[in-house]
Amino acid sequence: MKTSELKKWLIKSGFAFEEYGTSIIINGLLKIYKDYQALEIFDESWKEGIGLELLNKAIEYTNTPISEREDEKKKYRIELAKIREDVLTKDEMRSTVYVLSSMFKSSGETKIMFDNIFTESEINNLPSQIKGAIECGFLRKVEVE
């Protein structure tokens, strides 16, 4: 579970929480650590004060690997790279354009490829043809601010 998902759930569920550096304190009764897998219960009356649903959410978050808790910051757009004429012959350029265009048509993702913004993990999950075209330099990922 991402930290942002936990916070949204807390707000939606009506729990008061405060962030202190690398921890989140909920209703003054429960402390969840963002930088390691642990939680603390301050008061043994947690059953009345916190509730099992919150405790289960806190355990779910605590069980999430630390590397998977934060949203990815960098975003990318995928663009066609400029292909220099002196590198490829006209036949090679035609076949490259054909391969790229047929690849997008067959996957039905032409619009998605060029209009969407992706995180690094989303790019890693794209079809192998797209990743191959990025590695070969026919497509490039451009960081978006």
N, C-alpha and C. Protein backbone atom coordinates (compact mmCIF):
# COMPACT_ATOMS: atom_id res chain seq x y z
N MET A 1 0.84 -1.18 0.00
CA MET A 1 0.00 0.00 0.00
C MET A 1 0.89 1.24 0.00
N LYS A 2 0.56 2.17 -0.84
CA LYS A 2 1.29 3.44 -0.92
C LYS A 2 0.89 4.32 0.27
N THR A 3 1.82 5.18 0.68
CA THR A 3 1.55 6.12 1.77
C THR A 3 0.37 7.02 1.39
N SER A 4 0.34 7.46 0.14
CA SER A 4 -0.76 8.32 -0.31
C SER A 4 -2.10 7.60 -0.23
N GLU A 5 -2.13 6.30 -0.51
CA GLU A 5 -3.37 5.52 -0.41
C GLU A 5 -3.81 5.41 1.05
N LEU A 6 -2.86 5.19 1.96
CA LEU A 6 -3.19 5.13 3.38
C LEU A 6 -3.80 6.45 3.85
N LYS A 7 -3.18 7.57 3.46
CA LYS A 7 -3.69 8.88 3.88
C LYS A 7 -5.09 9.12 3.34
N LYS A 8 -5.33 8.77 2.08
CA LYS A 8 -6.67 8.95 1.50
C LYS A 8 -7.70 8.12 2.26
N TRP A 9 -7.32 6.88 2.61
CA TRP A 9 -8.22 6.02 3.35
C TRP A 9 -8.52 6.60 4.72
N LEU A 10 -7.50 7.10 5.40
CA LEU A 10 -7.69 7.70 6.73
C LEU A 10 -8.66 8.87 6.67
N ILE A 11 -8.46 9.74 5.68
CA ILE A 11 -9.34 10.90 5.52
C ILE A 11 -10.77 10.45 5.23
N LYS A 12 -10.90 9.52 4.28
CA LYS A 12 -12.23 9.02 3.90
C LYS A 12 -12.94 8.36 5.09
N SER A 13 -12.16 7.68 5.92
CA SER A 13 -12.74 6.97 7.07
C SER A 13 -12.91 7.86 8.30
N GLY A 14 -12.48 9.11 8.22
CA GLY A 14 -12.69 10.06 9.30
C GLY A 14 -11.71 9.97 10.46
N PHE A 15 -10.53 9.40 10.22
CA PHE A 15 -9.53 9.32 11.28
C PHE A 15 -8.65 10.56 11.28
N ALA A 16 -8.34 11.07 12.47
CA ALA A 16 -7.42 12.20 12.60
C ALA A 16 -6.00 11.63 12.61
N PHE A 17 -5.11 12.26 11.86
CA PHE A 17 -3.72 11.80 11.86
C PHE A 17 -2.79 12.98 11.67
N GLU A 18 -1.58 12.81 12.14
CA GLU A 18 -0.54 13.82 11.98
C GLU A 18 0.73 13.12 11.54
N GLU A 19 1.50 13.80 10.68
CA GLU A 19 2.78 13.26 10.24
C GLU A 19 3.90 13.96 10.99
N TYR A 20 4.80 13.17 11.51
CA TYR A 20 5.99 13.68 12.18
C TYR A 20 7.19 13.01 11.54
N GLY A 21 7.82 13.70 10.62
CA GLY A 21 8.99 13.14 9.95
C GLY A 21 8.67 11.84 9.23
N THR A 22 9.16 10.75 9.77
CA THR A 22 8.97 9.46 9.10
C THR A 22 7.90 8.60 9.77
N SER A 23 7.00 9.22 10.50
CA SER A 23 5.94 8.45 11.12
C SER A 23 4.59 9.17 10.99
N ILE A 24 3.54 8.38 11.11
CA ILE A 24 2.17 8.89 11.08
C ILE A 24 1.51 8.45 12.37
N ILE A 25 0.97 9.40 13.12
CA ILE A 25 0.26 9.08 14.36
C ILE A 25 -1.23 9.25 14.10
N ILE A 26 -1.99 8.21 14.40
CA ILE A 26 -3.42 8.18 14.10
C ILE A 26 -4.21 8.21 15.40
N ASN A 27 -5.09 9.18 15.51
CA ASN A 27 -5.97 9.36 16.67
C ASN A 27 -5.20 9.37 18.00
N GLY A 28 -3.92 9.66 17.96
CA GLY A 28 -3.12 9.68 19.17
C GLY A 28 -2.94 8.32 19.81
N LEU A 29 -3.37 7.26 19.13
CA LEU A 29 -3.32 5.91 19.71
C LEU A 29 -2.39 4.95 18.98
N LEU A 30 -2.09 5.25 17.73
CA LEU A 30 -1.36 4.31 16.89
C LEU A 30 -0.30 5.06 16.09
N LYS A 31 0.90 4.51 16.03
CA LYS A 31 1.99 5.14 15.27
C LYS A 31 2.49 4.16 14.22
N ILE A 32 2.52 4.62 12.96
CA ILE A 32 3.01 3.81 11.84
C ILE A 32 4.28 4.47 11.33
N TYR A 33 5.29 3.67 11.08
CA TYR A 33 6.56 4.18 10.57
C TYR A 33 6.59 4.04 9.05
N LYS A 34 7.01 5.13 8.38
CA LYS A 34 7.12 5.12 6.93
C LYS A 34 8.45 4.56 6.45
N ASP A 35 9.48 4.60 7.30
CA ASP A 35 10.81 4.22 6.85
C ASP A 35 11.25 2.83 7.32
N TYR A 36 10.43 2.15 8.08
CA TYR A 36 10.67 0.74 8.36
C TYR A 36 9.36 0.06 8.73
N GLN A 37 9.38 -1.25 8.75
CA GLN A 37 8.15 -2.00 8.89
C GLN A 37 7.82 -2.24 10.36
N ALA A 38 7.16 -1.25 10.96
CA ALA A 38 6.78 -1.36 12.36
C ALA A 38 5.62 -0.43 12.66
N LEU A 39 4.89 -0.77 13.70
CA LEU A 39 3.85 0.12 14.21
C LEU A 39 3.83 -0.01 15.73
N GLU A 40 3.35 1.02 16.37
CA GLU A 40 3.24 1.04 17.83
C GLU A 40 1.82 1.36 18.22
N ILE A 41 1.34 0.67 19.23
CA ILE A 41 0.03 1.00 19.80
C ILE A 41 0.30 1.63 21.15
N PHE A 42 -0.14 2.88 21.33
CA PHE A 42 0.14 3.64 22.54
C PHE A 42 -0.77 3.27 23.71
N ASP A 43 -1.96 2.83 23.41
CA ASP A 43 -2.96 2.65 24.45
C ASP A 43 -3.62 1.29 24.25
N GLU A 44 -3.73 0.51 25.30
CA GLU A 44 -4.33 -0.81 25.20
C GLU A 44 -5.83 -0.77 24.92
N SER A 45 -6.42 0.40 25.02
CA SER A 45 -7.84 0.51 24.70
C SER A 45 -8.04 0.70 23.19
N TRP A 46 -7.10 0.17 22.41
CA TRP A 46 -7.14 0.36 20.96
C TRP A 46 -8.42 -0.19 20.33
N LYS A 47 -9.01 -1.22 20.93
CA LYS A 47 -10.21 -1.80 20.32
C LYS A 47 -11.33 -0.77 20.24
N GLU A 48 -11.47 0.02 21.30
CA GLU A 48 -12.51 1.05 21.28
C GLU A 48 -12.05 2.28 20.50
N GLY A 49 -10.79 2.66 20.67
CA GLY A 49 -10.30 3.90 20.09
C GLY A 49 -9.94 3.80 18.63
N ILE A 50 -9.47 2.65 18.19
CA ILE A 50 -8.99 2.54 16.82
C ILE A 50 -9.94 1.71 15.96
N GLY A 51 -10.25 0.54 16.41
CA GLY A 51 -11.10 -0.33 15.63
C GLY A 51 -10.29 -1.30 14.78
N LEU A 52 -10.87 -2.45 14.52
CA LEU A 52 -10.17 -3.50 13.79
C LEU A 52 -9.88 -3.12 12.34
N GLU A 53 -10.78 -2.37 11.73
CA GLU A 53 -10.57 -1.99 10.32
C GLU A 53 -9.31 -1.14 10.19
N LEU A 54 -9.13 -0.17 11.07
CA LEU A 54 -7.93 0.65 11.04
C LEU A 54 -6.69 -0.19 11.36
N LEU A 55 -6.80 -1.05 12.34
CA LEU A 55 -5.66 -1.90 12.69
C LEU A 55 -5.25 -2.78 11.51
N ASN A 56 -6.23 -3.31 10.80
CA ASN A 56 -5.92 -4.12 9.60
C ASN A 56 -5.24 -3.28 8.52
N LYS A 57 -5.71 -2.05 8.32
CA LYS A 57 -5.07 -1.15 7.34
C LYS A 57 -3.63 -0.86 7.75
N ALA A 58 -3.43 -0.60 9.04
CA ALA A 58 -2.09 -0.30 9.54
C ALA A 58 -1.17 -1.50 9.34
N ILE A 59 -1.67 -2.69 9.56
CA ILE A 59 -0.87 -3.91 9.35
C ILE A 59 -0.58 -4.10 7.87
N GLU A 60 -1.57 -3.84 7.02
CA GLU A 60 -1.36 -3.94 5.57
C GLU A 60 -0.25 -2.99 5.12
N TYR A 61 -0.30 -1.75 5.61
CA TYR A 61 0.74 -0.77 5.26
C TYR A 61 2.10 -1.21 5.80
N THR A 62 2.12 -1.68 7.05
CA THR A 62 3.37 -2.12 7.67
C THR A 62 3.98 -3.30 6.91
N ASN A 63 3.15 -4.16 6.36
CA ASN A 63 3.64 -5.32 5.60
C ASN A 63 4.10 -4.96 4.19
N THR A 64 3.77 -3.75 3.73
CA THR A 64 4.21 -3.31 2.41
C THR A 64 5.70 -3.00 2.46
N PRO A 65 6.49 -3.57 1.52
CA PRO A 65 7.92 -3.23 1.49
C PRO A 65 8.12 -1.72 1.38
N ILE A 66 9.11 -1.21 2.06
CA ILE A 66 9.36 0.23 2.11
C ILE A 66 9.54 0.82 0.72
N SER A 67 10.22 0.07 -0.16
CA SER A 67 10.47 0.56 -1.52
C SER A 67 9.20 0.72 -2.33
N GLU A 68 8.10 0.10 -1.91
CA GLU A 68 6.84 0.18 -2.66
C GLU A 68 5.84 1.16 -2.06
N ARG A 69 6.21 1.85 -0.98
CA ARG A 69 5.26 2.72 -0.29
C ARG A 69 5.10 4.09 -0.92
N GLU A 70 6.15 4.64 -1.48
CA GLU A 70 6.08 6.00 -2.01
C GLU A 70 5.72 6.00 -3.49
N ASP A 71 4.94 7.01 -3.89
CA ASP A 71 4.60 7.18 -5.30
C ASP A 71 5.85 7.56 -6.07
N GLU A 72 5.93 7.10 -7.30
CA GLU A 72 7.07 7.46 -8.13
C GLU A 72 6.98 8.93 -8.49
N LYS A 73 8.09 9.62 -8.39
CA LYS A 73 8.11 11.06 -8.64
C LYS A 73 8.30 11.38 -10.12
N LYS A 74 9.24 10.69 -10.76
CA LYS A 74 9.54 11.00 -12.16
C LYS A 74 8.46 10.45 -13.08
N LYS A 75 8.11 11.27 -14.07
CA LYS A 75 7.12 10.88 -15.07
C LYS A 75 7.75 11.07 -16.44
N TYR A 76 7.34 10.24 -17.39
CA TYR A 76 7.91 10.28 -18.73
C TYR A 76 6.82 10.26 -19.79
N ARG A 77 7.14 10.84 -20.91
CA ARG A 77 6.33 10.76 -22.12
C ARG A 77 7.16 9.96 -23.12
N ILE A 78 6.52 9.14 -23.92
CA ILE A 78 7.25 8.37 -24.91
C ILE A 78 7.05 9.03 -26.26
N GLU A 79 8.17 9.31 -26.93
CA GLU A 79 8.12 10.02 -28.22
C GLU A 79 8.91 9.24 -29.26
N LEU A 80 8.56 9.50 -30.50
CA LEU A 80 9.38 8.97 -31.58
C LEU A 80 10.71 9.73 -31.58
N ALA A 81 11.79 9.00 -31.68
CA ALA A 81 13.10 9.65 -31.73
C ALA A 81 13.38 10.08 -33.16
N LYS A 82 14.14 11.15 -33.33
CA LYS A 82 14.53 11.57 -34.67
C LYS A 82 15.58 10.60 -35.18
N ILE A 83 15.36 10.09 -36.36
CA ILE A 83 16.31 9.15 -36.96
C ILE A 83 17.09 9.90 -38.02
N ARG A 84 18.39 9.95 -37.84
CA ARG A 84 19.23 10.68 -38.79
C ARG A 84 19.34 9.92 -40.10
N GLU A 85 19.23 10.65 -41.21
CA GLU A 85 19.28 10.02 -42.53
C GLU A 85 20.64 9.41 -42.83
N ASP A 86 21.71 9.98 -42.27
CA ASP A 86 23.03 9.44 -42.57
C ASP A 86 23.31 8.13 -41.83
N VAL A 87 22.43 7.76 -40.88
CA VAL A 87 22.63 6.51 -40.15
C VAL A 87 21.91 5.36 -40.84
N LEU A 88 20.72 5.62 -41.38
CA LEU A 88 19.94 4.58 -42.03
C LEU A 88 19.73 4.91 -43.50
N THR A 89 19.68 3.87 -44.31
CA THR A 89 19.34 4.07 -45.72
C THR A 89 17.85 4.34 -45.79
N LYS A 90 17.39 4.81 -46.98
CA LYS A 90 15.96 5.09 -47.13
C LYS A 90 15.12 3.83 -46.92
N ASP A 91 15.60 2.67 -47.40
CA ASP A 91 14.87 1.42 -47.19
C ASP A 91 14.79 1.07 -45.71
N GLU A 92 15.91 1.25 -44.99
CA GLU A 92 15.92 0.97 -43.55
C GLU A 92 14.98 1.92 -42.83
N MET A 93 14.97 3.19 -43.25
CA MET A 93 14.07 4.16 -42.61
C MET A 93 12.61 3.76 -42.86
N ARG A 94 12.29 3.38 -44.12
CA ARG A 94 10.93 2.96 -44.43
C ARG A 94 10.52 1.76 -43.59
N SER A 95 11.42 0.76 -43.50
CA SER A 95 11.06 -0.44 -42.74
C SER A 95 10.94 -0.12 -41.25
N THR A 96 11.77 0.79 -40.74
CA THR A 96 11.69 1.18 -39.33
C THR A 96 10.35 1.85 -39.04
N VAL A 97 9.97 2.79 -39.90
CA VAL A 97 8.69 3.48 -39.74
C VAL A 97 7.55 2.48 -39.84
N TYR A 98 7.66 1.54 -40.77
CA TYR A 98 6.61 0.52 -40.94
C TYR A 98 6.49 -0.34 -39.67
N VAL A 99 7.63 -0.79 -39.16
CA VAL A 99 7.62 -1.64 -37.96
C VAL A 99 7.00 -0.88 -36.79
N LEU A 100 7.41 0.37 -36.58
CA LEU A 100 6.85 1.15 -35.48
C LEU A 100 5.36 1.37 -35.65
N SER A 101 4.94 1.77 -36.85
CA SER A 101 3.51 2.05 -37.05
C SER A 101 2.68 0.78 -36.94
N SER A 102 3.19 -0.35 -37.45
CA SER A 102 2.41 -1.58 -37.35
C SER A 102 2.37 -2.06 -35.90
N MET A 103 3.45 -1.82 -35.18
CA MET A 103 3.49 -2.22 -33.78
C MET A 103 2.42 -1.47 -32.98
N PHE A 104 2.30 -0.17 -33.22
CA PHE A 104 1.30 0.61 -32.49
C PHE A 104 -0.10 0.21 -32.91
N LYS A 105 -0.31 -0.01 -34.22
CA LYS A 105 -1.63 -0.40 -34.69
C LYS A 105 -2.03 -1.75 -34.10
N SER A 106 -1.09 -2.71 -34.10
CA SER A 106 -1.44 -4.04 -33.62
C SER A 106 -1.75 -4.03 -32.13
N SER A 107 -1.05 -3.18 -31.38
CA SER A 107 -1.33 -3.15 -29.95
C SER A 107 -2.49 -2.20 -29.64
N GLY A 108 -2.90 -1.41 -30.62
CA GLY A 108 -4.01 -0.49 -30.43
C GLY A 108 -3.70 0.62 -29.44
N GLU A 109 -2.41 0.97 -29.29
CA GLU A 109 -2.05 1.93 -28.26
C GLU A 109 -1.37 3.18 -28.82
N THR A 110 -1.61 3.49 -30.10
CA THR A 110 -0.96 4.66 -30.68
C THR A 110 -1.25 5.91 -29.86
N LYS A 111 -2.53 6.17 -29.62
CA LYS A 111 -2.91 7.36 -28.87
C LYS A 111 -2.34 7.31 -27.45
N ILE A 112 -2.44 6.15 -26.82
CA ILE A 112 -1.96 6.00 -25.45
C ILE A 112 -0.46 6.26 -25.37
N MET A 113 0.29 5.72 -26.31
CA MET A 113 1.74 5.88 -26.27
C MET A 113 2.14 7.35 -26.29
N PHE A 114 1.47 8.12 -27.11
CA PHE A 114 1.94 9.49 -27.32
C PHE A 114 1.21 10.53 -26.48
N ASP A 115 0.11 10.18 -25.85
CA ASP A 115 -0.62 11.15 -25.06
C ASP A 115 -0.45 10.94 -23.56
N ASN A 116 -0.18 9.72 -23.15
CA ASN A 116 -0.10 9.44 -21.72
C ASN A 116 1.27 9.76 -21.14
N ILE A 117 1.28 9.90 -19.84
CA ILE A 117 2.52 10.09 -19.09
C ILE A 117 2.70 8.86 -18.22
N PHE A 118 3.93 8.32 -18.20
CA PHE A 118 4.21 7.05 -17.55
C PHE A 118 5.22 7.21 -16.43
N THR A 119 5.14 6.35 -15.43
CA THR A 119 6.20 6.23 -14.43
C THR A 119 7.19 5.19 -14.96
N GLU A 120 8.35 5.09 -14.32
CA GLU A 120 9.37 4.12 -14.73
C GLU A 120 8.82 2.70 -14.67
N SER A 121 8.08 2.37 -13.61
CA SER A 121 7.55 1.01 -13.50
C SER A 121 6.49 0.72 -14.56
N GLU A 122 5.71 1.72 -14.94
CA GLU A 122 4.74 1.53 -16.03
C GLU A 122 5.45 1.28 -17.35
N ILE A 123 6.54 2.00 -17.58
CA ILE A 123 7.32 1.78 -18.81
C ILE A 123 7.90 0.37 -18.80
N ASN A 124 8.35 -0.09 -17.65
CA ASN A 124 8.90 -1.45 -17.54
C ASN A 124 7.85 -2.52 -17.82
N ASN A 125 6.56 -2.17 -17.67
CA ASN A 125 5.48 -3.13 -17.92
C ASN A 125 4.86 -3.00 -19.31
N LEU A 126 5.41 -2.13 -20.16
CA LEU A 126 4.91 -1.99 -21.52
C LEU A 126 5.26 -3.25 -22.32
N PRO A 127 4.57 -3.48 -23.46
CA PRO A 127 4.90 -4.63 -24.29
C PRO A 127 6.38 -4.62 -24.71
N SER A 128 6.93 -5.81 -24.91
CA SER A 128 8.36 -5.94 -25.22
C SER A 128 8.75 -5.19 -26.50
N GLN A 129 7.83 -5.08 -27.47
CA GLN A 129 8.15 -4.36 -28.71
C GLN A 129 8.42 -2.88 -28.41
N ILE A 130 7.64 -2.31 -27.51
CA ILE A 130 7.80 -0.90 -27.16
C ILE A 130 9.12 -0.71 -26.42
N LYS A 131 9.38 -1.58 -25.43
CA LYS A 131 10.63 -1.48 -24.68
C LYS A 131 11.83 -1.67 -25.61
N GLY A 132 11.72 -2.59 -26.57
CA GLY A 132 12.79 -2.81 -27.54
C GLY A 132 13.02 -1.59 -28.41
N ALA A 133 11.94 -0.92 -28.80
CA ALA A 133 12.07 0.29 -29.63
C ALA A 133 12.72 1.41 -28.84
N ILE A 134 12.50 1.46 -27.53
CA ILE A 134 13.16 2.46 -26.69
C ILE A 134 14.64 2.14 -26.59
N GLU A 135 14.95 0.86 -26.34
CA GLU A 135 16.36 0.44 -26.21
C GLU A 135 17.13 0.66 -27.51
N CYS A 136 16.48 0.46 -28.66
CA CYS A 136 17.14 0.65 -29.96
C CYS A 136 17.23 2.11 -30.37
N GLY A 137 16.51 2.97 -29.69
CA GLY A 137 16.58 4.39 -29.99
C GLY A 137 15.53 4.89 -30.96
N PHE A 138 14.57 4.04 -31.37
CA PHE A 138 13.51 4.49 -32.25
C PHE A 138 12.47 5.30 -31.48
N LEU A 139 12.30 4.92 -30.23
CA LEU A 139 11.45 5.68 -29.32
C LEU A 139 12.33 6.16 -28.19
N ARG A 140 11.92 7.24 -27.54
CA ARG A 140 12.69 7.72 -26.40
C ARG A 140 11.73 8.14 -25.31
N LYS A 141 12.21 8.02 -24.08
CA LYS A 141 11.39 8.51 -22.97
C LYS A 141 11.95 9.85 -22.55
N VAL A 142 11.05 10.81 -22.42
CA VAL A 142 11.42 12.18 -22.10
C VAL A 142 10.79 12.52 -20.75
N GLU A 143 11.61 12.99 -19.83
CA GLU A 143 11.11 13.33 -18.50
C GLU A 143 10.18 14.53 -18.59
N VAL A 144 9.05 14.44 -17.90
CA VAL A 144 8.05 15.50 -17.87
C VAL A 144 8.05 16.09 -16.47
N GLU A 145 7.97 17.40 -16.36
CA GLU A 145 7.95 18.04 -15.04
C GLU A 145 6.56 18.20 -14.51
